[in-house]
Amino acid sequence: MNNPNKKIITRFAPSPTGFVHVGNIRTALYAWAFAKKNNGTFILRIEDTDKAREVEGSIEHVIASLKWIGIEWNEGPDIGGPNASYKQSERLESYIKYAKILIDKGLAYSDPYTEEEVEAFRNKADEEKRPFLYRDHRPENPPIWDGKKPLRFKVPNIKSYEWEDMVRGHLKAGPEALDDFILIKGDGYPTYNFAHIIDDFEMGVTHIMRGDEFISSTPKFLSLYEALEIERPEFVMLPPIMGQGGKKKLGKRDGAKDFLEYENEGYLPEAMMNFLAFIGWNPGGDKEIITPEQFVNIFDIKQIHISGGQFNEEKLDWINHEHLKLLSIDKQIEYISKYLPENIKNLPNFSTKIVENITPIILERIRNAKDLIEMVKNGDLAYYFSQPIYKKDSLFFKSSKIPQENKYEILSKYIIDAVSLFEDISNSDFNKENIKNKIWEYAEKVGRGDILWPMRFALSGQDKSPDPFILAEILGKDETINRLNNAIATLKI
C-alpha cells in the first residue's frame, strides 16, 4: 500500500474453533487501536471454513471477549456493514469467482491425486532426503475442476521474494518457500491461504496484523497477490507472547486459558488492556499504567517489538491493583459487591453499608477476585457480618500483665469499663478518632495490650484484623457494644 492518504482499514479474523486466548485478543487490540487512532475502520470477520473443527458458540464467545475488554468494531457479523457477509462460510460465491479467474489464467488446477498417492510422493521425498513439494508432481492434464476435488494454486514463478514488514523491516525468502497450495478444498470451502486474501481485498483492508508464524507463508501469499494482480496490504507481523520464564510460546499448559476466565477472576477490562498492550509494545518512558484512551492515543506500530514478550501474571496482578485504585469509590464498592461470594452475602448482619465501609480495607489487600475469595477462606471478612465465636483464653494479649489467678475477672472488668466509656459516645459521633480518644487514657492506665487486644479480638475473632478503632467504627456503636458484652459473657463461662 503506497498511498499514505488512503483510509486505514484493519481486521481481526478469528476461527470459531474454541475459546480465544490472550494472543488472539492482543492481535485484535493492536489492529483496533491502530484503526481507531487513525479514524479508520476496524472489521470483525469470522473465518469459519474449517467445519470439522468448528465449535458451537465460539462466535458468540469471540464477541463477548472483545466487548469485555472494550474493543468495538465498525463492521462485523453481529452488526453488518457494507461488505457483508462477515462469515467466510457465507462468502463462497466470492471465492469461486476468483478461483475461476485463476483457472482461466492457467494458474489453478484440479488436484487429481488420492491421499494415498500424495502420501507415496511424500515418502519418496523422505527416502531421497529432500523436501516434499507438491509442485514437483503437477499433473500434465488435470481434469476439469468440478468443485468436488481440491483446487490447487499453480505458482506461476518459482523465485525468491523480498518484502517489507512494518515491524521487522526487510524480509526475504528463497524459491523453496513456494509450493502449489490448496485454494478450495474438496468440501467446497476455501482454505485460509486463499480466503483471507480475497476477503481482505474486497473489504479494502490496508494493514494485516497477525502472528510471526505467518512469515514463512508470506511468499505464497505474495505469489497469489501477483497472480490475481491485486494490491497487497501492509504486513505487520506481531511478536509472540511467551510463557512464564520467556523460553517458549504461551500455550494452554502455560496459562493460555479462555480469555473470559480473567473476567471471572476479577481482572478489570482496562487493566487487561493495559497489560496486553505492553506485551510486545512499549511507547518509551517509565509510565506503566495507562487508560484505554491513552493507549489508543499513543499507539504506534513502530514501537512494536520484534522479540516476544513474556506473559507475567504477577505483573498483571500489579496492574490490576493499580487500576482498582483508579476506580471511583462507587465503582470500587460495585466491584467488591460483585465478587463477594454468596456465603458472605447470606450472613445474618450482611448489609451494603458495611460493604461500603470495608471496601477501602479490602482493596488494600487484594489484586483480583481470587484474592478476595482467599480472604473469605481465611476468615478475614465473615466477622464484619456475624458475631465471631472464639475461646475465652484467646481474648488475652500474648504479653498480658494480668495476674493468672484472677485473670478472667480482671479482663472482664477492663471490657466492662470500655463499654461504659463507649456508651458516652453518641451514635453519630462513633468514629475511629472519637473511639480512640475515649479509650486511650484508660488503655495507658491498665496496659494498652490488655485492653486493645481483647477489644479487637472480641470484635473480629481473628489474630490478624484491622485495629479495634477501625473495626468499631465499621460495626457501629450498637454492634460494637453487643460484641464486647458477648466477650464479657464468654469470660464468665
Protein backbone atom coordinates (compact mmCIF):
# COMPACT_ATOMS: atom_id res chain seq x y z
CA MET A 1 0.00 0.00 0.00
CA ASN A 2 1.72 3.14 -1.22
CA ASN A 3 -0.96 5.79 -0.73
CA PRO A 4 -0.45 7.43 2.70
CA ASN A 5 -3.80 9.22 2.42
CA LYS A 6 -5.80 6.03 2.00
CA LYS A 7 -8.26 5.31 4.81
CA ILE A 8 -6.87 2.83 7.34
CA ILE A 9 -8.84 -0.43 7.49
CA THR A 10 -7.80 -3.26 9.79
CA ARG A 11 -9.44 -6.50 10.77
CA PHE A 12 -9.49 -9.30 13.31
CA ALA A 13 -10.43 -12.61 11.76
CA PRO A 14 -10.57 -15.48 14.28
CA SER A 15 -11.67 -19.04 13.58
CA PRO A 16 -14.59 -20.31 15.70
CA THR A 17 -12.75 -23.41 16.86
CA GLY A 18 -12.92 -22.90 20.64
CA PHE A 19 -12.08 -20.29 23.20
CA VAL A 20 -9.99 -17.24 22.38
CA HIS A 21 -6.84 -16.61 24.42
CA VAL A 22 -4.63 -13.62 25.14
CA GLY A 23 -2.64 -13.97 21.90
CA ASN A 24 -5.80 -13.67 19.82
CA ILE A 25 -7.03 -10.69 21.79
CA ARG A 26 -3.72 -8.84 21.63
CA THR A 27 -3.80 -9.12 17.83
CA ALA A 28 -7.29 -7.64 17.84
CA LEU A 29 -6.19 -4.97 20.31
CA TYR A 30 -3.36 -3.65 18.15
CA ALA A 31 -5.48 -3.73 14.99
CA TRP A 32 -8.33 -1.92 16.74
CA ALA A 33 -6.08 0.72 18.31
CA PHE A 34 -4.33 1.47 15.01
CA ALA A 35 -7.62 1.92 13.16
CA LYS A 36 -9.19 3.96 15.95
CA LYS A 37 -6.20 6.28 16.30
CA ASN A 38 -6.26 6.98 12.56
CA ASN A 39 -10.05 7.43 12.31
CA GLY A 40 -10.16 4.26 10.27
CA THR A 41 -12.35 1.16 10.19
CA PHE A 42 -11.93 -1.95 12.27
CA ILE A 43 -13.61 -5.12 10.97
CA LEU A 44 -14.52 -8.29 12.81
CA ARG A 45 -14.61 -11.22 10.39
CA ILE A 46 -15.18 -14.88 11.18
CA GLU A 47 -13.08 -17.44 9.29
CA ASP A 48 -15.42 -20.42 9.62
CA THR A 49 -14.39 -22.59 6.71
CA ASP A 50 -12.94 -25.45 8.75
CA LYS A 51 -16.28 -27.04 9.62
CA ALA A 52 -14.69 -30.16 11.12
CA ARG A 53 -13.06 -28.08 13.87
CA GLU A 54 -15.82 -25.53 14.42
CA VAL A 55 -17.14 -25.37 17.99
CA GLU A 56 -20.71 -24.29 18.63
CA GLY A 57 -20.95 -20.99 20.50
CA SER A 58 -17.43 -19.86 19.55
CA ILE A 59 -18.59 -16.84 17.55
CA GLU A 60 -20.65 -15.56 20.47
CA HIS A 61 -17.67 -16.21 22.71
CA VAL A 62 -15.36 -14.15 20.49
CA ILE A 63 -17.83 -11.27 20.50
CA ALA A 64 -18.24 -11.42 24.29
CA SER A 65 -14.46 -11.49 24.81
CA LEU A 66 -13.84 -8.47 22.63
CA LYS A 67 -16.68 -6.50 24.17
CA TRP A 68 -15.47 -7.27 27.70
CA ILE A 69 -12.04 -5.78 27.09
CA GLY A 70 -13.57 -2.76 25.37
CA ILE A 71 -12.86 -3.45 21.70
CA GLU A 72 -15.63 -2.34 19.34
CA TRP A 73 -15.84 -2.85 15.59
CA ASN A 74 -17.32 -0.83 12.75
CA GLU A 75 -18.32 -3.85 10.67
CA GLY A 76 -18.95 -7.41 11.75
CA PRO A 77 -21.21 -10.46 11.79
CA ASP A 78 -23.44 -9.05 14.52
CA ILE A 79 -23.86 -5.52 13.15
CA GLY A 80 -23.41 -5.97 9.41
CA GLY A 81 -21.76 -3.42 7.15
CA PRO A 82 -21.09 -2.58 3.51
CA ASN A 83 -19.02 -5.75 2.97
CA ALA A 84 -21.44 -8.29 4.45
CA SER A 85 -21.34 -11.15 5.00
CA TYR A 86 -18.62 -11.24 7.65
CA LYS A 87 -18.63 -15.03 7.85
CA GLN A 88 -16.49 -16.80 5.28
CA SER A 89 -18.97 -19.66 5.04
CA GLU A 90 -21.46 -17.15 3.60
CA ARG A 91 -18.99 -15.74 1.04
CA LEU A 92 -18.41 -18.86 -1.05
CA GLU A 93 -19.52 -17.27 -4.32
CA SER A 94 -16.76 -14.69 -3.96
CA TYR A 95 -14.09 -17.36 -3.65
CA ILE A 96 -15.46 -19.24 -6.65
CA LYS A 97 -15.29 -16.01 -8.66
CA TYR A 98 -11.58 -15.52 -8.00
CA ALA A 99 -10.87 -19.23 -8.37
CA LYS A 100 -12.28 -19.10 -11.90
CA ILE A 101 -10.05 -16.12 -12.67
CA LEU A 102 -7.04 -18.22 -11.74
CA ILE A 103 -8.33 -21.23 -13.69
CA ASP A 104 -8.81 -19.06 -16.79
CA LYS A 105 -5.24 -17.82 -16.39
CA GLY A 106 -3.96 -21.38 -16.16
CA LEU A 107 -2.89 -20.74 -12.57
CA ALA A 108 -5.14 -23.21 -10.78
CA TYR A 109 -5.83 -26.85 -11.39
CA SER A 110 -7.99 -29.68 -10.10
CA ASP A 111 -6.00 -31.97 -7.81
CA PRO A 112 -6.40 -35.50 -9.21
CA TYR A 113 -4.48 -37.39 -6.56
CA THR A 114 -5.81 -39.55 -3.78
CA GLU A 115 -4.50 -39.24 -0.22
CA GLU A 116 -2.60 -42.49 -0.71
CA GLU A 117 -0.85 -41.17 -3.82
CA VAL A 118 0.16 -37.95 -2.08
CA GLU A 119 1.49 -39.97 0.84
CA ALA A 120 3.57 -42.04 -1.57
CA PHE A 121 5.07 -38.87 -3.06
CA ARG A 122 5.88 -37.66 0.44
CA ASN A 123 7.51 -40.96 1.47
CA LYS A 124 9.69 -40.98 -1.64
CA ALA A 125 10.88 -37.45 -0.87
CA ASP A 126 11.77 -38.56 2.64
CA GLU A 127 13.70 -41.55 1.30
CA GLU A 128 15.64 -39.27 -1.04
CA LYS A 129 16.23 -36.83 1.83
CA ARG A 130 14.69 -33.88 0.02
CA PRO A 131 11.75 -31.64 0.99
CA PHE A 132 8.38 -32.69 -0.32
CA LEU A 133 7.00 -30.12 -2.76
CA TYR A 134 3.64 -30.62 -4.35
CA ARG A 135 4.70 -28.57 -7.36
CA ASP A 136 7.08 -31.38 -8.31
CA HIS A 137 4.02 -33.54 -9.02
CA ARG A 138 1.81 -31.21 -11.04
CA PRO A 139 -0.43 -33.29 -13.30
CA GLU A 140 0.16 -32.76 -17.02
CA ASN A 141 -3.51 -32.97 -17.93
CA PRO A 142 -5.57 -32.27 -14.81
CA PRO A 143 -9.31 -32.92 -15.01
CA ILE A 144 -11.71 -30.02 -15.28
CA TRP A 145 -12.46 -28.74 -11.81
CA ASP A 146 -15.99 -29.69 -10.81
CA GLY A 147 -15.91 -28.38 -7.24
CA LYS A 148 -15.69 -31.87 -5.78
CA LYS A 149 -11.93 -32.15 -5.78
CA PRO A 150 -9.42 -29.80 -4.23
CA LEU A 151 -8.40 -26.84 -6.39
CA ARG A 152 -4.70 -26.00 -6.20
CA PHE A 153 -2.86 -22.80 -6.99
CA LYS A 154 -0.20 -23.22 -9.65
CA VAL A 155 2.66 -20.99 -8.56
CA PRO A 156 3.45 -19.07 -11.77
CA ASN A 157 7.03 -18.11 -10.99
CA ILE A 158 9.35 -20.13 -8.79
CA LYS A 159 11.54 -17.32 -7.49
CA SER A 160 12.86 -15.56 -4.42
CA TYR A 161 10.75 -12.90 -2.73
CA GLU A 162 11.64 -9.79 -0.79
CA TRP A 163 9.16 -7.65 1.07
CA GLU A 164 8.83 -5.02 3.79
CA ASP A 165 7.20 -5.69 7.13
CA MET A 166 6.24 -2.71 9.30
CA VAL A 167 7.71 -4.36 12.40
CA ARG A 168 10.58 -6.48 11.10
CA GLY A 169 11.69 -4.37 8.17
CA HIS A 170 13.17 -6.02 5.09
CA LEU A 171 12.46 -9.75 4.78
CA LYS A 172 13.21 -12.27 2.09
CA ALA A 173 12.78 -15.94 1.26
CA GLY A 174 14.10 -18.27 -1.41
CA PRO A 175 12.13 -20.23 -4.00
CA GLU A 176 11.93 -23.22 -1.67
CA ALA A 177 9.23 -21.31 0.24
CA LEU A 178 6.84 -21.60 -2.70
CA ASP A 179 4.56 -24.52 -3.42
CA ASP A 180 1.23 -25.29 -5.01
CA PHE A 181 -1.21 -24.94 -2.13
CA ILE A 182 -4.92 -25.71 -1.96
CA LEU A 183 -7.28 -22.83 -2.73
CA ILE A 184 -10.58 -24.62 -2.29
CA LYS A 185 -10.98 -27.95 -0.50
CA GLY A 186 -12.96 -30.90 -1.70
CA ASP A 187 -15.84 -29.92 0.58
CA GLY A 188 -16.26 -26.63 -1.28
CA TYR A 189 -14.80 -24.40 1.42
CA PRO A 190 -11.72 -22.26 0.78
CA THR A 191 -8.50 -22.54 2.74
CA TYR A 192 -7.21 -19.73 4.91
CA ASN A 193 -4.38 -19.12 2.42
CA PHE A 194 -6.92 -18.23 -0.27
CA ALA A 195 -9.96 -16.86 1.55
CA HIS A 196 -8.24 -14.23 3.68
CA ILE A 197 -6.57 -12.70 0.63
CA ILE A 198 -9.89 -12.39 -1.20
CA ASP A 199 -11.71 -11.05 1.86
CA ASP A 200 -9.02 -8.51 2.68
CA PHE A 201 -9.02 -7.28 -0.92
CA GLU A 202 -12.81 -6.98 -1.18
CA MET A 203 -13.08 -5.29 2.23
CA GLY A 204 -10.28 -2.84 1.47
CA VAL A 205 -8.06 -3.93 4.34
CA THR A 206 -4.92 -1.79 4.38
CA HIS A 207 -2.95 -3.36 7.24
CA ILE A 208 -2.85 -7.01 8.27
CA MET A 209 -1.71 -7.71 11.83
CA ARG A 210 -1.00 -11.33 12.69
CA GLY A 211 1.48 -13.58 14.45
CA ASP A 212 5.01 -14.05 13.18
CA GLU A 213 4.31 -17.71 12.48
CA PHE A 214 2.88 -16.48 9.15
CA ILE A 215 6.24 -15.15 7.93
CA SER A 216 7.08 -18.49 6.32
CA SER A 217 3.79 -18.44 4.39
CA THR A 218 4.16 -14.88 3.14
CA PRO A 219 5.92 -15.81 -0.16
CA LYS A 220 2.91 -17.96 -1.07
CA PHE A 221 0.61 -15.03 -0.33
CA LEU A 222 2.77 -12.68 -2.41
CA SER A 223 2.67 -15.09 -5.32
CA LEU A 224 -1.12 -15.20 -5.15
CA TYR A 225 -1.41 -11.40 -4.99
CA GLU A 226 0.68 -11.23 -8.15
CA ALA A 227 -1.34 -13.94 -9.89
CA LEU A 228 -4.60 -12.10 -9.17
CA GLU A 229 -2.98 -8.75 -9.97
CA ILE A 230 -4.30 -7.18 -6.79
CA GLU A 231 -2.58 -4.77 -4.40
CA ARG A 232 -1.40 -6.31 -1.19
CA PRO A 233 -1.92 -4.68 2.22
CA GLU A 234 0.86 -3.70 4.60
CA PHE A 235 2.12 -6.59 6.72
CA VAL A 236 2.52 -6.16 10.47
CA MET A 237 3.97 -9.31 11.98
CA LEU A 238 3.48 -9.33 15.74
CA PRO A 239 5.90 -10.89 18.22
CA PRO A 240 4.79 -14.00 20.11
CA ILE A 241 3.55 -13.96 23.68
CA MET A 242 5.93 -16.10 25.68
CA GLY A 243 5.06 -18.24 28.69
CA GLN A 244 6.35 -17.69 32.21
CA GLY A 245 10.13 -17.67 32.02
CA GLY A 246 10.13 -16.45 28.43
CA LYS A 247 11.57 -19.63 26.88
CA LYS A 248 8.63 -20.79 24.77
CA LYS A 249 5.38 -19.52 23.36
CA LEU A 250 2.48 -19.31 25.74
CA GLY A 251 0.37 -22.43 25.37
CA LYS A 252 -2.60 -23.99 27.15
CA ARG A 253 -0.28 -25.78 29.57
CA ASP A 254 1.37 -22.47 30.41
CA GLY A 255 -1.75 -20.48 31.17
CA ALA A 256 -3.26 -19.65 27.77
CA LYS A 257 -6.75 -20.07 29.13
CA ASP A 258 -10.16 -18.96 28.00
CA PHE A 259 -9.93 -15.17 27.88
CA LEU A 260 -13.22 -14.64 29.71
CA GLU A 261 -11.82 -16.52 32.71
CA TYR A 262 -9.94 -13.34 33.52
CA GLU A 263 -13.24 -11.55 33.97
CA ASN A 264 -14.42 -14.28 36.34
CA GLU A 265 -11.17 -13.92 38.27
CA GLY A 266 -11.83 -10.23 38.83
CA TYR A 267 -9.47 -8.59 36.39
CA LEU A 268 -10.70 -5.22 35.14
CA PRO A 269 -11.00 -4.92 31.35
CA GLU A 270 -8.97 -1.70 31.32
CA ALA A 271 -6.25 -3.44 33.36
CA MET A 272 -6.19 -6.38 30.96
CA MET A 273 -5.95 -3.99 28.00
CA ASN A 274 -3.08 -2.16 29.72
CA PHE A 275 -1.31 -5.45 30.42
CA LEU A 276 -1.72 -6.95 26.94
CA ALA A 277 -0.72 -3.72 25.22
CA PHE A 278 2.70 -3.82 26.86
CA ILE A 279 3.42 -7.43 25.84
CA GLY A 280 5.32 -6.69 22.66
CA TRP A 281 4.91 -2.89 22.56
CA ASN A 282 6.20 -0.01 24.60
CA PRO A 283 5.84 3.73 24.00
CA GLY A 284 9.03 4.53 25.90
CA GLY A 285 9.40 6.13 29.30
CA ASP A 286 8.64 4.74 32.72
CA LYS A 287 4.86 5.03 32.77
CA GLU A 288 3.28 1.60 33.01
CA ILE A 289 -0.34 2.38 33.94
CA ILE A 290 -2.39 3.76 31.08
CA THR A 291 -6.09 4.01 30.32
CA PRO A 292 -7.64 2.65 27.10
CA GLU A 293 -7.94 6.21 25.77
CA GLN A 294 -4.26 6.89 26.45
CA PHE A 295 -3.28 3.62 24.79
CA VAL A 296 -5.12 4.48 21.58
CA ASN A 297 -3.65 7.99 21.52
CA ILE A 298 -0.03 6.85 21.85
CA PHE A 299 -0.11 3.53 19.97
CA ASP A 300 2.49 3.38 17.21
CA ILE A 301 3.33 0.36 15.06
CA LYS A 302 6.97 1.46 15.04
CA GLN A 303 7.13 0.76 18.78
CA ILE A 304 6.07 -2.89 18.42
CA HIS A 305 8.92 -5.18 19.41
CA ILE A 306 10.41 -7.89 17.25
CA SER A 307 11.15 -10.27 20.12
CA GLY A 308 8.43 -11.95 22.15
CA GLY A 309 7.09 -10.51 25.39
CA GLN A 310 6.54 -12.61 28.48
CA PHE A 311 3.12 -13.28 29.98
CA ASN A 312 3.79 -12.45 33.62
CA GLU A 313 0.74 -12.98 35.81
CA GLU A 314 2.38 -11.19 38.74
CA LYS A 315 2.66 -8.11 36.54
CA LEU A 316 -0.98 -8.50 35.56
CA ASP A 317 -1.94 -8.65 39.25
CA TRP A 318 0.01 -5.47 39.96
CA ILE A 319 -1.53 -3.62 37.02
CA ASN A 320 -5.00 -4.75 38.07
CA HIS A 321 -4.41 -3.50 41.62
CA GLU A 322 -3.32 -0.12 40.27
CA HIS A 323 -6.43 0.14 38.11
CA LEU A 324 -8.64 -0.85 41.06
CA LYS A 325 -7.21 2.13 42.92
CA LEU A 326 -8.12 4.40 40.00
CA LEU A 327 -11.82 3.47 40.19
CA SER A 328 -14.28 5.86 41.80
CA ILE A 329 -15.42 4.80 45.26
CA ASP A 330 -18.80 3.81 43.83
CA LYS A 331 -17.11 1.58 41.24
CA GLN A 332 -14.87 0.07 43.91
CA ILE A 333 -17.91 -0.80 46.02
CA GLU A 334 -19.61 -2.25 42.94
CA TYR A 335 -16.53 -4.39 42.24
CA ILE A 336 -16.35 -5.79 45.78
CA SER A 337 -20.09 -6.44 45.83
CA LYS A 338 -19.92 -8.29 42.51
CA TYR A 339 -17.26 -10.75 43.64
CA LEU A 340 -18.31 -11.32 47.26
CA PRO A 341 -19.40 -14.98 47.47
CA GLU A 342 -22.92 -15.94 48.45
CA ASN A 343 -21.86 -17.45 51.78
CA ILE A 344 -20.85 -13.93 52.87
CA LYS A 345 -23.99 -12.29 51.48
CA ASN A 346 -26.11 -14.80 53.41
CA LEU A 347 -24.62 -13.94 56.82
CA PRO A 348 -27.12 -12.50 59.35
CA ASN A 349 -25.72 -8.97 59.57
CA PHE A 350 -24.82 -8.53 55.91
CA SER A 351 -25.52 -5.01 54.67
CA THR A 352 -24.47 -2.84 51.78
CA LYS A 353 -23.45 -0.17 54.28
CA ILE A 354 -20.82 -2.44 55.83
CA VAL A 355 -19.63 -3.42 52.35
CA GLU A 356 -19.15 0.26 51.60
CA ASN A 357 -17.22 0.73 54.84
CA ILE A 358 -14.86 -2.20 54.34
CA THR A 359 -14.21 -1.66 50.62
CA PRO A 360 -11.08 0.51 51.18
CA ILE A 361 -9.71 -2.07 53.64
CA ILE A 362 -10.27 -4.92 51.20
CA LEU A 363 -8.76 -3.06 48.26
CA GLU A 364 -5.53 -2.55 50.18
CA ARG A 365 -5.11 -6.32 50.33
CA ILE A 366 -6.40 -7.70 47.03
CA ARG A 367 -5.25 -7.66 43.43
CA ASN A 368 -8.19 -9.58 41.95
CA ALA A 369 -11.27 -11.59 42.91
CA LYS A 370 -9.14 -14.65 43.66
CA ASP A 371 -7.52 -12.70 46.47
CA LEU A 372 -10.95 -11.68 47.72
CA ILE A 373 -12.07 -15.31 47.83
CA GLU A 374 -8.85 -16.17 49.67
CA MET A 375 -9.68 -13.52 52.28
CA VAL A 376 -13.07 -15.17 52.75
CA LYS A 377 -11.47 -18.61 53.14
CA ASN A 378 -9.09 -17.22 55.75
CA GLY A 379 -11.98 -15.82 57.77
CA ASP A 380 -10.98 -12.21 57.13
CA LEU A 381 -14.44 -10.97 56.13
CA ALA A 382 -17.14 -13.02 57.84
CA TYR A 383 -16.71 -11.24 61.20
CA TYR A 384 -17.96 -7.98 59.72
CA PHE A 385 -21.35 -9.61 59.17
CA SER A 386 -21.67 -12.09 62.02
CA GLN A 387 -20.76 -12.42 65.70
CA PRO A 388 -17.37 -14.17 65.98
CA ILE A 389 -17.05 -17.39 68.00
CA TYR A 390 -13.86 -17.98 70.00
CA LYS A 391 -12.44 -19.49 73.18
CA LYS A 392 -12.18 -17.14 76.15
CA ASP A 393 -8.42 -17.55 76.53
CA SER A 394 -7.99 -16.08 73.03
CA LEU A 395 -9.05 -12.72 74.47
CA PHE A 396 -5.80 -12.37 76.40
CA PHE A 397 -2.87 -10.45 74.98
CA LYS A 398 0.16 -12.73 74.49
CA SER A 399 2.27 -10.46 76.71
CA SER A 400 -0.51 -9.83 79.18
CA LYS A 401 0.40 -8.47 82.60
CA ILE A 402 -2.89 -9.58 84.16
CA PRO A 403 -2.31 -11.93 87.15
CA GLN A 404 -3.18 -15.53 86.34
CA GLU A 405 -5.23 -16.21 89.49
CA ASN A 406 -7.90 -13.59 88.71
CA LYS A 407 -7.38 -13.11 85.02
CA TYR A 408 -10.95 -13.72 83.84
CA GLU A 409 -12.47 -11.37 86.42
CA ILE A 410 -9.86 -8.65 85.77
CA LEU A 411 -10.18 -8.78 81.97
CA SER A 412 -13.97 -8.81 82.30
CA LYS A 413 -13.76 -5.60 84.35
CA TYR A 414 -11.49 -3.96 81.75
CA ILE A 415 -14.02 -4.68 78.99
CA ILE A 416 -16.94 -3.55 81.16
CA ASP A 417 -15.12 -0.25 81.69
CA ALA A 418 -14.55 0.06 77.95
CA VAL A 419 -18.25 -0.48 77.28
CA SER A 420 -19.07 2.21 79.80
CA LEU A 421 -16.75 4.66 78.03
CA PHE A 422 -18.18 3.87 74.60
CA GLU A 423 -21.75 4.37 75.81
CA ASP A 424 -20.90 8.02 76.35
CA ILE A 425 -20.27 8.47 72.60
CA SER A 426 -23.35 9.24 70.51
CA ASN A 427 -24.12 7.03 67.53
CA SER A 428 -23.44 9.88 65.11
CA ASP A 429 -20.02 10.55 66.69
CA PHE A 430 -18.98 6.91 66.92
CA ASN A 431 -15.92 7.07 64.66
CA LYS A 432 -12.37 5.78 65.00
CA GLU A 433 -10.95 9.12 66.21
CA ASN A 434 -13.51 9.57 68.97
CA ILE A 435 -13.31 5.90 69.96
CA LYS A 436 -9.53 6.06 70.27
CA ASN A 437 -9.62 9.31 72.23
CA LYS A 438 -12.19 7.86 74.63
CA ILE A 439 -10.33 4.64 75.43
CA TRP A 440 -6.69 5.74 75.16
CA GLU A 441 -6.19 7.17 78.64
CA TYR A 442 -7.73 4.07 80.19
CA ALA A 443 -5.59 1.83 77.97
CA GLU A 444 -2.45 3.63 79.10
CA LYS A 445 -3.52 3.09 82.72
CA VAL A 446 -4.17 -0.68 82.58
CA GLY A 447 -1.77 -1.52 79.78
CA ARG A 448 -2.61 -1.00 76.12
CA GLY A 449 -2.20 -4.64 75.13
CA ASP A 450 -4.52 -5.79 77.91
CA ILE A 451 -7.47 -3.75 76.61
CA LEU A 452 -6.83 -3.09 72.91
CA TRP A 453 -6.07 -6.76 72.07
CA PRO A 454 -9.20 -8.18 73.77
CA MET A 455 -11.26 -5.39 72.27
CA ARG A 456 -10.04 -6.18 68.75
CA PHE A 457 -10.35 -9.93 69.23
CA ALA A 458 -13.87 -9.56 70.63
CA LEU A 459 -14.87 -7.63 67.52
CA SER A 460 -13.17 -9.88 64.94
CA GLY A 461 -12.30 -13.23 66.49
CA GLN A 462 -9.10 -13.14 64.40
CA ASP A 463 -5.41 -12.90 65.27
CA LYS A 464 -4.99 -10.51 62.35
CA SER A 465 -7.53 -7.81 61.57
CA PRO A 466 -7.76 -4.02 61.32
CA ASP A 467 -7.17 -2.11 64.55
CA PRO A 468 -10.05 -2.03 67.08
CA PHE A 469 -10.93 1.61 66.38
CA ILE A 470 -11.48 0.96 62.66
CA LEU A 471 -13.46 -2.20 63.43
CA ALA A 472 -15.65 -0.40 65.95
CA GLU A 473 -16.44 2.40 63.52
CA ILE A 474 -17.37 -0.08 60.77
CA LEU A 475 -19.56 -2.18 63.05
CA GLY A 476 -21.21 0.85 64.67
CA LYS A 477 -21.87 1.62 68.34
CA ASP A 478 -24.64 -0.91 68.97
CA GLU A 479 -22.87 -3.89 67.38
CA THR A 480 -19.55 -2.96 68.99
CA ILE A 481 -21.08 -2.87 72.48
CA ASN A 482 -23.02 -6.05 71.74
CA ARG A 483 -19.81 -7.91 70.83
CA LEU A 484 -17.93 -6.57 73.85
CA ASN A 485 -20.79 -7.71 76.10
CA ASN A 486 -20.55 -11.11 74.43
CA ALA A 487 -16.85 -11.19 75.34
CA ILE A 488 -17.73 -10.39 78.98
CA ALA A 489 -20.26 -13.24 78.98
CA THR A 490 -17.70 -15.60 77.42
CA LEU A 491 -15.18 -14.81 80.17
CA LYS A 492 -17.72 -15.80 82.81
CA ILE A 493 -18.36 -19.27 81.36
